[in-house]
Amino acid sequence: MVDMRVKIGAVTLQNPVMPASGCFSTDLAQVMDLNRLGALVAKTVSREYRAGNPPPRAAEVEGGMINSIGLPTNGIQYFFEHQVPDYRRFAPPLVASISGTTIEEFEAMARDVAKGDIDVLEVNISCPTRDPKGGNFALHAEHTYDVVKLIRATTDKPVWVKLSPNAGDIVTVAQAAEQAGANALIVANTILGLKIDTDTFRPAIGNKFGGLSGPGIKPIIVRMVHQCAKAVKIPIIGCGGIVKVEDAVEYMLAGATAIMIGYLTFRNPTGMNAIIEGLEKWCAKHGFVRVADLTGAMIDEPPMETFAAAAAPIG
């Protein structure tokens, strides 16, 4: 029997698998048991109604998809009146994801949303299709520190900060979030990309650029998870391109305590449950009595002396 529980700060999850924000709704209860998930993660909410970006909003690419949804939302009042009660029909902890266009708006959103019936606050400072000066603070360490510091002062609830792989130095940003009081880091959001329709010569996405997700980005994000896990002491949640059990294992070996799944759900709506089942079987087969023991278990040794000598220059 494998102990599938993991701890992310003060929050204990029954297993390390949860959806990525924006890639999940309670409609999935029609095809899968949502009570089996480690946590439920709501779509990012802003204070006011947002229509989102112009269509087309998504396009398939080799190794994944590119999208520019634009964080559409019915606003905070609708979130409290309709979405929170809907999510509370299920047992897993509820993670509320928030966005804002200024530091002050983020602070106010955090204060108001944290007062609601939620368990964790996800601070989405990383959406790649927003203006860097208007919501994508995760591109810069100092902006990240400033916004997380203000949010930390507004609530005692756990704060998970979602980082951007588009940052020039994600490790420095991760350290800034930790220093500002984050309880955990989500590594990471999508990678900004461009797809051009060769029939029309126009961008395939209505907003021109979109966020790339899917298996093609996984090695990049796994590398970032490993680097961040080495640099900070708070838990890391890996997110990006997980489509099979071995992907989840890779993320945990690299240093992730838990994982978030987005792209897979579009391909297979019951995929998260399959990952949970497969991860338990994988651990049992490989002798892990606790899934938490996978975190950071990558063997990271220097090359053997023979290979080091072979690589040395001749002279």
C-alpha atoms as a PDB file:
ATOM      1  CA  MET A   1       0.000   0.000   0.000  1.00  0.00           C
ATOM      2  CA  VAL A   2       1.547   3.284  -1.141  1.00  0.00           C
ATOM      3  CA  ASP A   3       1.043   6.407   0.964  1.00  0.00           C
ATOM      4  CA  MET A   4       0.040   8.927  -1.702  1.00  0.00           C
ATOM      5  CA  ARG A   5      -0.184  11.943   0.601  1.00  0.00           C
ATOM      6  CA  VAL A   6       2.041  14.983   0.103  1.00  0.00           C
ATOM      7  CA  LYS A   7       2.431  18.160   2.143  1.00  0.00           C
ATOM      8  CA  ILE A   8       2.698  21.602   0.601  1.00  0.00           C
ATOM      9  CA  GLY A   9       3.474  23.729   3.607  1.00  0.00           C
ATOM     10  CA  ALA A  10       0.530  23.443   5.988  1.00  0.00           C
ATOM     11  CA  VAL A  11      -1.702  21.869   3.329  1.00  0.00           C
ATOM     12  CA  THR A  12      -1.904  18.082   3.089  1.00  0.00           C
ATOM     13  CA  LEU A  13      -3.112  16.636  -0.214  1.00  0.00           C
ATOM     14  CA  GLN A  14      -4.365  13.063  -0.521  1.00  0.00           C
ATOM     15  CA  ASN A  15      -2.143  12.727  -3.614  1.00  0.00           C
ATOM     16  CA  PRO A  16       0.121  15.055  -5.624  1.00  0.00           C
ATOM     17  CA  VAL A  17      -2.124  15.404  -8.695  1.00  0.00           C
ATOM     18  CA  MET A  18      -4.293  18.467  -9.349  1.00  0.00           C
ATOM     19  CA  PRO A  19      -5.507  20.482 -12.346  1.00  0.00           C
ATOM     20  CA  ALA A  20      -3.826  23.588 -13.655  1.00  0.00           C
ATOM     21  CA  SER A  21      -5.879  26.753 -13.382  1.00  0.00           C
ATOM     22  CA  GLY A  22      -7.922  27.428 -16.500  1.00  0.00           C
ATOM     23  CA  CYS A  23      -7.867  23.781 -17.584  1.00  0.00           C
ATOM     24  CA  PHE A  24     -10.552  22.489 -15.244  1.00  0.00           C
ATOM     25  CA  SER A  25     -14.177  22.876 -14.239  1.00  0.00           C
ATOM     26  CA  THR A  26     -16.673  20.896 -12.194  1.00  0.00           C
ATOM     27  CA  ASP A  27     -18.271  19.790 -15.481  1.00  0.00           C
ATOM     28  CA  LEU A  28     -15.588  17.085 -15.482  1.00  0.00           C
ATOM     29  CA  ALA A  29     -17.536  15.416 -12.658  1.00  0.00           C
ATOM     30  CA  GLN A  30     -19.713  13.961 -15.418  1.00  0.00           C
ATOM     31  CA  VAL A  31     -16.838  11.724 -16.543  1.00  0.00           C
ATOM     32  CA  MET A  32     -14.502  11.396 -13.548  1.00  0.00           C
ATOM     33  CA  ASP A  33     -14.472  11.338  -9.751  1.00  0.00           C
ATOM     34  CA  LEU A  34     -13.265  14.784  -8.681  1.00  0.00           C
ATOM     35  CA  ASN A  35     -12.974  13.619  -5.067  1.00  0.00           C
ATOM     36  CA  ARG A  36      -9.911  11.586  -6.070  1.00  0.00           C
ATOM     37  CA  LEU A  37      -7.877  14.683  -6.971  1.00  0.00           C
ATOM     38  CA  GLY A  38      -5.283  16.123  -4.645  1.00  0.00           C
ATOM     39  CA  ALA A  39      -6.866  19.576  -4.932  1.00  0.00           C
ATOM     40  CA  LEU A  40      -9.315  21.522  -7.077  1.00  0.00           C
ATOM     41  CA  VAL A  41      -7.925  24.610  -8.800  1.00  0.00           C
ATOM     42  CA  ALA A  42     -10.380  27.228 -10.024  1.00  0.00           C
ATOM     43  CA  LYS A  43      -9.896  29.327 -13.131  1.00  0.00           C
ATOM     44  CA  THR A  44      -8.135  32.630 -12.470  1.00  0.00           C
ATOM     45  CA  VAL A  45     -10.577  35.291 -11.334  1.00  0.00           C
ATOM     46  CA  SER A  46     -10.312  39.080 -11.614  1.00  0.00           C
ATOM     47  CA  ARG A  47     -12.422  41.660  -9.802  1.00  0.00           C
ATOM     48  CA  GLU A  48     -14.537  42.665 -12.785  1.00  0.00           C
ATOM     49  CA  TYR A  49     -15.952  40.786 -15.753  1.00  0.00           C
ATOM     50  CA  ARG A  50     -13.400  40.103 -18.493  1.00  0.00           C
ATOM     51  CA  ALA A  51     -14.372  38.925 -21.972  1.00  0.00           C
ATOM     52  CA  GLY A  52     -10.915  37.540 -22.702  1.00  0.00           C
ATOM     53  CA  ASN A  53      -8.904  37.709 -25.910  1.00  0.00           C
ATOM     54  CA  PRO A  54     -10.318  37.687 -29.464  1.00  0.00           C
ATOM     55  CA  PRO A  55     -10.766  34.352 -31.278  1.00  0.00           C
ATOM     56  CA  PRO A  56      -9.292  32.117 -32.518  1.00  0.00           C
ATOM     57  CA  ARG A  57      -8.001  31.341 -29.035  1.00  0.00           C
ATOM     58  CA  ALA A  58      -6.281  27.998 -29.550  1.00  0.00           C
ATOM     59  CA  ALA A  59      -4.392  26.129 -32.248  1.00  0.00           C
ATOM     60  CA  GLU A  60      -2.697  22.749 -32.379  1.00  0.00           C
ATOM     61  CA  VAL A  61       1.068  22.585 -32.854  1.00  0.00           C
ATOM     62  CA  GLU A  62       3.529  19.715 -32.994  1.00  0.00           C
ATOM     63  CA  GLY A  63       4.014  18.477 -29.460  1.00  0.00           C
ATOM     64  CA  GLY A  64       1.186  20.457 -27.914  1.00  0.00           C
ATOM     65  CA  MET A  65      -1.042  23.471 -28.398  1.00  0.00           C
ATOM     66  CA  ILE A  66      -0.838  27.240 -28.395  1.00  0.00           C
ATOM     67  CA  ASN A  67      -3.536  29.331 -26.768  1.00  0.00           C
ATOM     68  CA  SER A  68      -4.386  32.893 -25.854  1.00  0.00           C
ATOM     69  CA  ILE A  69      -7.563  32.806 -23.789  1.00  0.00           C
ATOM     70  CA  GLY A  70      -6.956  36.105 -22.009  1.00  0.00           C
ATOM     71  CA  LEU A  71      -8.177  35.183 -18.516  1.00  0.00           C
ATOM     72  CA  PRO A  72     -11.925  35.595 -19.134  1.00  0.00           C
ATOM     73  CA  THR A  73     -13.909  35.774 -15.904  1.00  0.00           C
ATOM     74  CA  ASN A  74     -17.361  36.680 -14.613  1.00  0.00           C
ATOM     75  CA  GLY A  75     -15.736  38.573 -11.764  1.00  0.00           C
ATOM     76  CA  ILE A  76     -15.292  38.141  -8.052  1.00  0.00           C
ATOM     77  CA  GLN A  77     -18.958  38.383  -7.054  1.00  0.00           C
ATOM     78  CA  TYR A  78     -19.947  35.585  -9.436  1.00  0.00           C
ATOM     79  CA  PHE A  79     -17.000  33.559  -8.161  1.00  0.00           C
ATOM     80  CA  PHE A  80     -18.254  33.725  -4.575  1.00  0.00           C
ATOM     81  CA  GLU A  81     -21.936  33.294  -5.347  1.00  0.00           C
ATOM     82  CA  HIS A  82     -21.725  30.495  -7.894  1.00  0.00           C
ATOM     83  CA  GLN A  83     -18.284  28.942  -8.374  1.00  0.00           C
ATOM     84  CA  VAL A  84     -17.167  28.511  -4.757  1.00  0.00           C
ATOM     85  CA  PRO A  85     -20.385  26.708  -3.692  1.00  0.00           C
ATOM     86  CA  ASP A  86     -20.105  24.546  -6.795  1.00  0.00           C
ATOM     87  CA  TYR A  87     -16.540  23.519  -5.932  1.00  0.00           C
ATOM     88  CA  ARG A  88     -17.428  22.963  -2.283  1.00  0.00           C
ATOM     89  CA  ARG A  89     -19.622  20.019  -3.272  1.00  0.00           C
ATOM     90  CA  PHE A  90     -16.360  18.086  -3.489  1.00  0.00           C
ATOM     91  CA  ALA A  91     -13.893  17.052  -0.788  1.00  0.00           C
ATOM     92  CA  PRO A  92     -10.415  18.160  -2.019  1.00  0.00           C
ATOM     93  CA  PRO A  93      -8.982  21.526  -0.923  1.00  0.00           C
ATOM     94  CA  LEU A  94      -9.987  24.471  -3.103  1.00  0.00           C
ATOM     95  CA  VAL A  95      -7.265  26.628  -4.648  1.00  0.00           C
ATOM     96  CA  ALA A  96      -8.486  30.049  -5.782  1.00  0.00           C
ATOM     97  CA  SER A  97      -6.382  31.672  -8.501  1.00  0.00           C
ATOM     98  CA  ILE A  98      -6.326  35.469  -8.699  1.00  0.00           C
ATOM     99  CA  SER A  99      -5.114  38.065 -11.176  1.00  0.00           C
ATOM    100  CA  GLY A 100      -4.770  41.829 -11.263  1.00  0.00           C
ATOM    101  CA  THR A 101      -3.386  44.572 -13.470  1.00  0.00           C
ATOM    102  CA  THR A 102      -1.558  46.471 -10.726  1.00  0.00           C
ATOM    103  CA  ILE A 103       0.144  45.584  -7.463  1.00  0.00           C
ATOM    104  CA  GLU A 104      -2.607  47.388  -5.570  1.00  0.00           C
ATOM    105  CA  GLU A 105      -5.294  45.402  -7.390  1.00  0.00           C
ATOM    106  CA  PHE A 106      -3.512  42.154  -6.568  1.00  0.00           C
ATOM    107  CA  GLU A 107      -3.363  43.163  -2.920  1.00  0.00           C
ATOM    108  CA  ALA A 108      -7.093  43.957  -2.821  1.00  0.00           C
ATOM    109  CA  MET A 109      -7.991  40.756  -4.676  1.00  0.00           C
ATOM    110  CA  ALA A 110      -5.928  38.672  -2.285  1.00  0.00           C
ATOM    111  CA  ARG A 111      -7.537  40.277   0.745  1.00  0.00           C
ATOM    112  CA  ASP A 112     -11.079  39.778  -0.553  1.00  0.00           C
ATOM    113  CA  VAL A 113     -10.721  36.305  -2.047  1.00  0.00           C
ATOM    114  CA  ALA A 114      -8.862  34.956   0.991  1.00  0.00           C
ATOM    115  CA  LYS A 115     -11.853  35.859   3.151  1.00  0.00           C
ATOM    116  CA  GLY A 116     -13.978  33.411   1.177  1.00  0.00           C
ATOM    117  CA  ASP A 117     -14.438  29.678   1.654  1.00  0.00           C
ATOM    118  CA  ILE A 118     -11.163  28.695   0.003  1.00  0.00           C
ATOM    119  CA  ASP A 119      -8.116  26.822   1.261  1.00  0.00           C
ATOM    120  CA  VAL A 120      -5.241  28.193  -0.835  1.00  0.00           C
ATOM    121  CA  LEU A 121      -4.584  31.406  -2.761  1.00  0.00           C
ATOM    122  CA  GLU A 122      -2.807  30.971  -6.106  1.00  0.00           C
ATOM    123  CA  VAL A 123      -1.258  34.241  -7.250  1.00  0.00           C
ATOM    124  CA  ASN A 124      -1.155  34.169 -11.032  1.00  0.00           C
ATOM    125  CA  ILE A 125       1.499  36.763 -11.853  1.00  0.00           C
ATOM    126  CA  SER A 126       2.598  34.817 -14.906  1.00  0.00           C
ATOM    127  CA  CYS A 127       0.015  34.881 -17.704  1.00  0.00           C
ATOM    128  CA  PRO A 128       2.151  35.237 -20.868  1.00  0.00           C
ATOM    129  CA  THR A 129      -0.545  36.917 -22.964  1.00  0.00           C
ATOM    130  CA  ARG A 130      -0.977  39.907 -20.664  1.00  0.00           C
ATOM    131  CA  ASP A 131       1.036  43.132 -20.860  1.00  0.00           C
ATOM    132  CA  PRO A 132       4.191  42.653 -18.705  1.00  0.00           C
ATOM    133  CA  LYS A 133       3.358  45.917 -16.953  1.00  0.00           C
ATOM    134  CA  GLY A 134      -0.224  44.748 -16.364  1.00  0.00           C
ATOM    135  CA  GLY A 135      -0.314  41.460 -14.527  1.00  0.00           C
ATOM    136  CA  ASN A 136       2.757  39.516 -15.646  1.00  0.00           C
ATOM    137  CA  PHE A 137       4.964  40.495 -12.723  1.00  0.00           C
ATOM    138  CA  ALA A 138       6.787  37.152 -12.739  1.00  0.00           C
ATOM    139  CA  LEU A 139       9.141  38.348 -15.479  1.00  0.00           C
ATOM    140  CA  HIS A 140      11.112  40.363 -12.919  1.00  0.00           C
ATOM    141  CA  ALA A 141      12.357  39.460  -9.457  1.00  0.00           C
ATOM    142  CA  GLU A 142      11.724  42.897  -7.973  1.00  0.00           C
ATOM    143  CA  HIS A 143       8.138  43.048  -9.273  1.00  0.00           C
ATOM    144  CA  THR A 144       7.515  39.544  -7.955  1.00  0.00           C
ATOM    145  CA  TYR A 145       8.870  40.450  -4.534  1.00  0.00           C
ATOM    146  CA  ASP A 146       6.776  43.605  -4.317  1.00  0.00           C
ATOM    147  CA  VAL A 147       3.460  41.992  -5.209  1.00  0.00           C
ATOM    148  CA  VAL A 148       3.958  38.836  -3.117  1.00  0.00           C
ATOM    149  CA  LYS A 149       5.109  40.894  -0.104  1.00  0.00           C
ATOM    150  CA  LEU A 150       1.893  42.921  -0.198  1.00  0.00           C
ATOM    151  CA  ILE A 151      -0.266  39.829  -0.641  1.00  0.00           C
ATOM    152  CA  ARG A 152       1.479  37.983   2.184  1.00  0.00           C
ATOM    153  CA  ALA A 153       0.563  40.825   4.549  1.00  0.00           C
ATOM    154  CA  THR A 154      -3.144  40.539   3.700  1.00  0.00           C
ATOM    155  CA  THR A 155      -3.820  36.910   4.635  1.00  0.00           C
ATOM    156  CA  ASP A 156      -2.747  33.972   6.762  1.00  0.00           C
ATOM    157  CA  LYS A 157      -3.943  31.488   4.154  1.00  0.00           C
ATOM    158  CA  PRO A 158      -1.337  29.604   2.110  1.00  0.00           C
ATOM    159  CA  VAL A 159      -0.045  31.589  -0.865  1.00  0.00           C
ATOM    160  CA  TRP A 160       1.154  29.689  -3.934  1.00  0.00           C
ATOM    161  CA  VAL A 161       2.872  31.855  -6.546  1.00  0.00           C
ATOM    162  CA  LYS A 162       2.684  30.855 -10.208  1.00  0.00           C
ATOM    163  CA  LEU A 163       5.903  31.691 -12.043  1.00  0.00           C
ATOM    164  CA  SER A 164       6.638  32.304 -15.718  1.00  0.00           C
ATOM    165  CA  PRO A 165       9.070  30.305 -17.870  1.00  0.00           C
ATOM    166  CA  ASN A 166       9.432  33.469 -19.951  1.00  0.00           C
ATOM    167  CA  ALA A 167      11.482  35.126 -17.219  1.00  0.00           C
ATOM    168  CA  GLY A 168      15.127  35.593 -18.072  1.00  0.00           C
ATOM    169  CA  ASP A 169      16.205  34.062 -14.751  1.00  0.00           C
ATOM    170  CA  ILE A 170      13.388  32.086 -13.151  1.00  0.00           C
ATOM    171  CA  VAL A 171      15.595  31.019 -10.234  1.00  0.00           C
ATOM    172  CA  THR A 172      16.087  34.612  -9.100  1.00  0.00           C
ATOM    173  CA  VAL A 173      12.332  35.196  -9.431  1.00  0.00           C
ATOM    174  CA  ALA A 174      11.663  32.047  -7.388  1.00  0.00           C
ATOM    175  CA  GLN A 175      13.991  33.260  -4.642  1.00  0.00           C
ATOM    176  CA  ALA A 176      12.280  36.662  -4.629  1.00  0.00           C
ATOM    177  CA  ALA A 177       8.867  35.020  -4.184  1.00  0.00           C
ATOM    178  CA  GLU A 178      10.203  32.894  -1.323  1.00  0.00           C
ATOM    179  CA  GLN A 179      11.784  35.889   0.392  1.00  0.00           C
ATOM    180  CA  ALA A 180       8.506  37.788   0.086  1.00  0.00           C
ATOM    181  CA  GLY A 181       6.620  35.048   1.924  1.00  0.00           C
ATOM    182  CA  ALA A 182       5.288  32.580  -0.644  1.00  0.00           C
ATOM    183  CA  ASN A 183       4.415  29.156   0.802  1.00  0.00           C
ATOM    184  CA  ALA A 184       4.940  27.315  -2.500  1.00  0.00           C
ATOM    185  CA  LEU A 185       5.821  27.961  -6.139  1.00  0.00           C
ATOM    186  CA  ILE A 186       4.124  26.716  -9.283  1.00  0.00           C
ATOM    187  CA  VAL A 187       6.685  26.179 -12.040  1.00  0.00           C
ATOM    188  CA  ALA A 188       5.470  27.173 -14.502  1.00  0.00           C
ATOM    189  CA  ASN A 189       2.969  28.800 -16.854  1.00  0.00           C
ATOM    190  CA  THR A 190       3.124  28.494 -20.652  1.00  0.00           C
ATOM    191  CA  ILE A 191       5.935  29.646 -22.952  1.00  0.00           C
ATOM    192  CA  LEU A 192       5.066  32.559 -25.235  1.00  0.00           C
ATOM    193  CA  GLY A 193       4.977  31.512 -28.884  1.00  0.00           C
ATOM    194  CA  LEU A 194       3.697  32.331 -32.359  1.00  0.00           C
ATOM    195  CA  LYS A 195       2.031  30.132 -34.978  1.00  0.00           C
ATOM    196  CA  ILE A 196       1.360  31.477 -38.497  1.00  0.00           C
ATOM    197  CA  ASP A 197      -1.330  30.078 -40.791  1.00  0.00           C
ATOM    198  CA  THR A 198       0.516  29.393 -44.051  1.00  0.00           C
ATOM    199  CA  ASP A 199      -2.718  29.614 -46.068  1.00  0.00           C
ATOM    200  CA  THR A 200      -3.748  33.059 -44.845  1.00  0.00           C
ATOM    201  CA  PHE A 201      -0.296  34.351 -43.794  1.00  0.00           C
ATOM    202  CA  ARG A 202      -1.955  35.543 -40.584  1.00  0.00           C
ATOM    203  CA  PRO A 203      -1.264  34.513 -36.990  1.00  0.00           C
ATOM    204  CA  ALA A 204      -3.238  31.405 -36.061  1.00  0.00           C
ATOM    205  CA  ILE A 205      -4.215  33.096 -32.783  1.00  0.00           C
ATOM    206  CA  GLY A 206      -6.463  36.159 -32.665  1.00  0.00           C
ATOM    207  CA  ASN A 207      -4.222  37.837 -30.126  1.00  0.00           C
ATOM    208  CA  LYS A 208      -1.162  37.067 -32.323  1.00  0.00           C
ATOM    209  CA  PHE A 209       0.966  35.465 -29.601  1.00  0.00           C
ATOM    210  CA  GLY A 210      -0.107  32.551 -27.438  1.00  0.00           C
ATOM    211  CA  GLY A 211       1.089  30.339 -24.634  1.00  0.00           C
ATOM    212  CA  LEU A 212       2.688  27.066 -25.724  1.00  0.00           C
ATOM    213  CA  SER A 213       1.803  24.007 -23.640  1.00  0.00           C
ATOM    214  CA  GLY A 214       2.042  20.245 -24.017  1.00  0.00           C
ATOM    215  CA  PRO A 215       4.756  17.576 -24.111  1.00  0.00           C
ATOM    216  CA  GLY A 216       7.093  19.736 -26.185  1.00  0.00           C
ATOM    217  CA  ILE A 217       7.773  22.104 -23.281  1.00  0.00           C
ATOM    218  CA  LYS A 218       8.171  19.440 -20.581  1.00  0.00           C
ATOM    219  CA  PRO A 219      12.001  19.087 -20.620  1.00  0.00           C
ATOM    220  CA  ILE A 220      12.345  22.865 -20.315  1.00  0.00           C
ATOM    221  CA  ILE A 221      10.013  23.086 -17.320  1.00  0.00           C
ATOM    222  CA  VAL A 222      11.502  19.987 -15.652  1.00  0.00           C
ATOM    223  CA  ARG A 223      14.885  21.728 -15.844  1.00  0.00           C
ATOM    224  CA  MET A 224      13.388  24.853 -14.290  1.00  0.00           C
ATOM    225  CA  VAL A 225      11.747  22.831 -11.512  1.00  0.00           C
ATOM    226  CA  HIS A 226      15.086  21.231 -10.680  1.00  0.00           C
ATOM    227  CA  GLN A 227      16.915  24.569 -10.662  1.00  0.00           C
ATOM    228  CA  CYS A 228      14.283  26.245  -8.494  1.00  0.00           C
ATOM    229  CA  ALA A 229      14.085  23.300  -6.086  1.00  0.00           C
ATOM    230  CA  LYS A 230      17.833  23.576  -5.531  1.00  0.00           C
ATOM    231  CA  ALA A 231      17.585  27.308  -4.852  1.00  0.00           C
ATOM    232  CA  VAL A 232      14.569  27.576  -2.510  1.00  0.00           C
ATOM    233  CA  LYS A 233      13.337  25.734   0.570  1.00  0.00           C
ATOM    234  CA  ILE A 234       9.593  25.989  -0.094  1.00  0.00           C
ATOM    235  CA  PRO A 235       7.738  23.296  -2.078  1.00  0.00           C
ATOM    236  CA  ILE A 236       7.600  23.343  -5.872  1.00  0.00           C
ATOM    237  CA  ILE A 237       4.559  22.296  -7.900  1.00  0.00           C
ATOM    238  CA  GLY A 238       5.571  21.188 -11.392  1.00  0.00           C
ATOM    239  CA  CYS A 239       3.338  22.097 -14.315  1.00  0.00           C
ATOM    240  CA  GLY A 240       3.892  21.584 -18.023  1.00  0.00           C
ATOM    241  CA  GLY A 241       3.381  18.816 -20.579  1.00  0.00           C
ATOM    242  CA  ILE A 242       2.442  15.913 -18.303  1.00  0.00           C
ATOM    243  CA  VAL A 243       0.651  13.261 -20.361  1.00  0.00           C
ATOM    244  CA  LYS A 244       1.797   9.998 -18.772  1.00  0.00           C
ATOM    245  CA  VAL A 245       2.833   8.598 -15.409  1.00  0.00           C
ATOM    246  CA  GLU A 246       6.536   8.800 -16.165  1.00  0.00           C
ATOM    247  CA  ASP A 247       6.176  12.547 -16.756  1.00  0.00           C
ATOM    248  CA  ALA A 248       4.782  12.979 -13.245  1.00  0.00           C
ATOM    249  CA  VAL A 249       7.603  10.857 -11.832  1.00  0.00           C
ATOM    250  CA  GLU A 250      10.175  12.963 -13.696  1.00  0.00           C
ATOM    251  CA  TYR A 251       8.847  16.171 -12.206  1.00  0.00           C
ATOM    252  CA  MET A 252       8.964  14.752  -8.697  1.00  0.00           C
ATOM    253  CA  LEU A 253      12.464  13.346  -9.162  1.00  0.00           C
ATOM    254  CA  ALA A 254      13.525  16.813 -10.313  1.00  0.00           C
ATOM    255  CA  GLY A 255      12.275  18.306  -7.057  1.00  0.00           C
ATOM    256  CA  ALA A 256       8.521  18.840  -7.343  1.00  0.00           C
ATOM    257  CA  THR A 257       6.324  17.973  -4.363  1.00  0.00           C
ATOM    258  CA  ALA A 258       3.175  17.901  -6.493  1.00  0.00           C
ATOM    259  CA  ILE A 259       2.088  18.420 -10.096  1.00  0.00           C
ATOM    260  CA  MET A 260      -0.570  20.295 -12.033  1.00  0.00           C
ATOM    261  CA  ILE A 261      -2.087  18.972 -15.249  1.00  0.00           C
ATOM    262  CA  GLY A 262      -3.600  21.058 -18.024  1.00  0.00           C
ATOM    263  CA  TYR A 263      -2.959  19.964 -21.609  1.00  0.00           C
ATOM    264  CA  LEU A 264      -3.732  16.291 -20.916  1.00  0.00           C
ATOM    265  CA  THR A 265      -7.296  17.102 -19.860  1.00  0.00           C
ATOM    266  CA  PHE A 266      -8.041  18.462 -23.340  1.00  0.00           C
ATOM    267  CA  ARG A 267      -6.849  15.189 -24.855  1.00  0.00           C
ATOM    268  CA  ASN A 268      -8.319  12.899 -22.225  1.00  0.00           C
ATOM    269  CA  PRO A 269     -10.855  14.367 -19.769  1.00  0.00           C
ATOM    270  CA  THR A 270     -10.254  11.497 -17.314  1.00  0.00           C
ATOM    271  CA  GLY A 271      -6.474  11.734 -17.628  1.00  0.00           C
ATOM    272  CA  MET A 272      -5.815  13.073 -14.133  1.00  0.00           C
ATOM    273  CA  ASN A 273      -7.423  10.049 -12.502  1.00  0.00           C
ATOM    274  CA  ALA A 274      -5.347   7.801 -14.764  1.00  0.00           C
ATOM    275  CA  ILE A 275      -2.177   9.592 -13.622  1.00  0.00           C
ATOM    276  CA  ILE A 276      -3.123   9.086  -9.953  1.00  0.00           C
ATOM    277  CA  GLU A 277      -3.742   5.366 -10.466  1.00  0.00           C
ATOM    278  CA  GLY A 278      -0.609   4.957 -12.549  1.00  0.00           C
ATOM    279  CA  LEU A 279       1.575   6.843 -10.080  1.00  0.00           C
ATOM    280  CA  GLU A 280       0.481   4.585  -7.230  1.00  0.00           C
ATOM    281  CA  LYS A 281       1.226   1.475  -9.306  1.00  0.00           C
ATOM    282  CA  TRP A 282       4.591   2.885 -10.397  1.00  0.00           C
ATOM    283  CA  CYS A 283       5.606   3.549  -6.788  1.00  0.00           C
ATOM    284  CA  ALA A 284       4.546   0.057  -5.690  1.00  0.00           C
ATOM    285  CA  LYS A 285       6.462  -1.540  -8.555  1.00  0.00           C
ATOM    286  CA  HIS A 286       9.638   0.427  -7.785  1.00  0.00           C
ATOM    287  CA  GLY A 287       9.545  -0.050  -4.024  1.00  0.00           C
ATOM    288  CA  PHE A 288       8.400   3.418  -2.906  1.00  0.00           C
ATOM    289  CA  VAL A 289       6.098   3.155   0.103  1.00  0.00           C
ATOM    290  CA  ARG A 290       5.555   6.944   0.099  1.00  0.00           C
ATOM    291  CA  VAL A 291       5.075   8.952  -3.077  1.00  0.00           C
ATOM    292  CA  ALA A 292       6.647  11.903  -1.243  1.00  0.00           C
ATOM    293  CA  ASP A 293       9.968  10.048  -1.270  1.00  0.00           C
ATOM    294  CA  LEU A 294      10.186  10.661  -5.019  1.00  0.00           C
ATOM    295  CA  THR A 295      10.655  14.399  -4.505  1.00  0.00           C
ATOM    296  CA  GLY A 296      14.232  15.371  -5.309  1.00  0.00           C
ATOM    297  CA  ALA A 297      15.362  11.752  -5.648  1.00  0.00           C
ATOM    298  CA  MET A 298      17.137  12.311  -8.965  1.00  0.00           C
ATOM    299  CA  ILE A 299      20.666  10.930  -8.786  1.00  0.00           C
ATOM    300  CA  ASP A 300      22.769  14.020  -9.371  1.00  0.00           C
ATOM    301  CA  GLU A 301      26.382  12.898  -9.234  1.00  0.00           C
ATOM    302  CA  PRO A 302      29.386  14.292 -11.119  1.00  0.00           C
ATOM    303  CA  PRO A 303      30.584  12.256 -14.121  1.00  0.00           C
ATOM    304  CA  MET A 304      32.707   9.206 -13.413  1.00  0.00           C
ATOM    305  CA  GLU A 305      36.453   9.860 -13.504  1.00  0.00           C
ATOM    306  CA  THR A 306      36.841   7.846 -16.716  1.00  0.00           C
ATOM    307  CA  PHE A 307      34.345  10.024 -18.599  1.00  0.00           C
ATOM    308  CA  ALA A 308      35.818  13.202 -17.137  1.00  0.00           C
ATOM    309  CA  ALA A 309      39.253  12.169 -18.384  1.00  0.00           C
ATOM    310  CA  ALA A 310      37.868  11.302 -21.824  1.00  0.00           C
ATOM    311  CA  ALA A 311      36.282  14.726 -22.070  1.00  0.00           C
ATOM    312  CA  ALA A 312      39.489  16.587 -21.168  1.00  0.00           C
ATOM    313  CA  PRO A 313      41.255  18.436 -23.999  1.00  0.00           C
ATOM    314  CA  ILE A 314      44.337  16.865 -25.526  1.00  0.00           C
ATOM    315  CA  GLY A 315      47.522  18.834 -25.076  1.00  0.00           C
END
